[in-house]
């Protein structure tokens, strides 16, 4: 079940990355580049956490979640920057 939900998040996130990259190529707006970087960080955090959890047999959960939150926060900051900059 955990893998299914993780894969769903990854597929949805990669779809958003693809939409943002396509929009960036069409418009050359830097804000869309920041948006695609933000979504890429979020997908990376989710995928890395899932893979690491299974490789480490779900040991060191605090460390895994801390790294996940760090990478996710960076992704959200890129998205926030895009929204703030686009005003």
Protein backbone atom coordinates (compact mmCIF):
# COMPACT_ATOMS: atom_id res chain seq x y z
CA UNK A 1 0.00 0.00 0.00
CA UNK A 2 2.86 2.35 0.90
CA UNK A 3 4.52 1.76 -2.47
CA UNK A 4 1.26 2.34 -4.35
CA UNK A 5 0.67 5.68 -2.66
CA UNK A 6 4.29 6.70 -3.16
CA UNK A 7 4.14 5.88 -6.85
CA UNK A 8 0.89 7.83 -7.17
CA UNK A 9 2.54 10.89 -5.62
CA UNK A 10 5.56 10.50 -7.92
CA UNK A 11 3.44 10.18 -11.07
CA UNK A 12 1.29 13.17 -10.12
CA UNK A 13 4.37 15.21 -9.24
CA UNK A 14 6.17 14.34 -12.46
CA UNK A 15 3.05 15.34 -14.37
CA UNK A 16 3.17 18.76 -12.72
CA UNK A 17 6.88 19.03 -13.54
CA UNK A 18 6.14 18.21 -17.19
CA UNK A 19 3.36 20.81 -17.35
CA UNK A 20 5.58 23.47 -15.79
CA UNK A 21 8.52 22.69 -18.08
CA UNK A 22 6.30 22.73 -21.16
CA UNK A 23 4.82 26.07 -20.09
CA UNK A 24 8.33 27.42 -19.47
CA UNK A 25 9.47 26.44 -22.97
CA UNK A 26 6.37 28.04 -24.49
CA UNK A 27 6.56 31.30 -22.55
CA UNK A 28 10.19 31.58 -21.31
CA UNK A 29 8.86 32.94 -18.01
CA UNK A 30 11.43 32.39 -15.24
CA UNK A 31 8.63 31.87 -12.70
CA UNK A 32 7.65 28.65 -14.47
CA UNK A 33 11.25 27.44 -14.20
CA UNK A 34 11.11 27.99 -10.43
CA UNK A 35 7.82 26.13 -10.32
CA UNK A 36 9.29 23.13 -12.15
CA UNK A 37 12.31 23.07 -9.80
CA UNK A 38 9.98 23.17 -6.80
CA UNK A 39 7.88 20.28 -8.06
CA UNK A 40 11.04 18.32 -8.92
CA UNK A 41 12.28 18.73 -5.33
CA UNK A 42 8.96 17.51 -3.97
CA UNK A 43 8.97 14.45 -6.21
CA UNK A 44 12.61 13.74 -5.34
CA UNK A 45 11.89 13.94 -1.62
CA UNK A 46 8.98 11.54 -1.90
CA UNK A 47 10.81 9.04 -4.07
CA UNK A 48 14.03 9.16 -2.05
CA UNK A 49 12.15 8.65 1.20
CA UNK A 50 10.31 5.61 -0.14
CA UNK A 51 13.44 3.99 -1.55
CA UNK A 52 15.49 4.77 1.56
CA UNK A 53 12.81 3.45 3.88
CA UNK A 54 12.85 0.07 2.18
CA UNK A 55 16.65 -0.05 1.83
CA UNK A 56 17.08 0.76 5.53
CA UNK A 57 14.26 -1.59 6.56
CA UNK A 58 12.35 1.38 8.05
CA UNK A 59 15.12 2.08 10.57
CA UNK A 60 16.22 5.64 11.28
CA UNK A 61 12.80 7.08 10.55
CA UNK A 62 13.67 10.42 12.18
CA UNK A 63 16.60 10.84 9.83
CA UNK A 64 14.54 9.83 6.79
CA UNK A 65 11.75 12.22 7.65
CA UNK A 66 14.18 15.04 8.44
CA UNK A 67 15.80 14.72 5.02
CA UNK A 68 12.36 14.46 3.42
CA UNK A 69 11.20 17.62 5.15
CA UNK A 70 14.39 19.47 4.22
CA UNK A 71 14.09 18.65 0.51
CA UNK A 72 10.32 19.25 0.56
CA UNK A 73 10.81 22.62 2.24
CA UNK A 74 13.28 23.65 -0.45
CA UNK A 75 10.72 22.61 -3.08
CA UNK A 76 7.96 24.57 -1.40
CA UNK A 77 10.23 27.61 -1.15
CA UNK A 78 10.76 27.51 -4.92
CA UNK A 79 6.99 27.30 -5.43
CA UNK A 80 6.35 30.15 -2.97
CA UNK A 81 9.06 32.22 -4.66
CA UNK A 82 7.36 31.65 -8.01
CA UNK A 83 4.00 32.75 -6.63
CA UNK A 84 5.49 35.75 -4.85
CA UNK A 85 7.62 36.78 -7.84
CA UNK A 86 4.70 36.43 -10.25
CA UNK A 87 2.63 39.07 -8.39
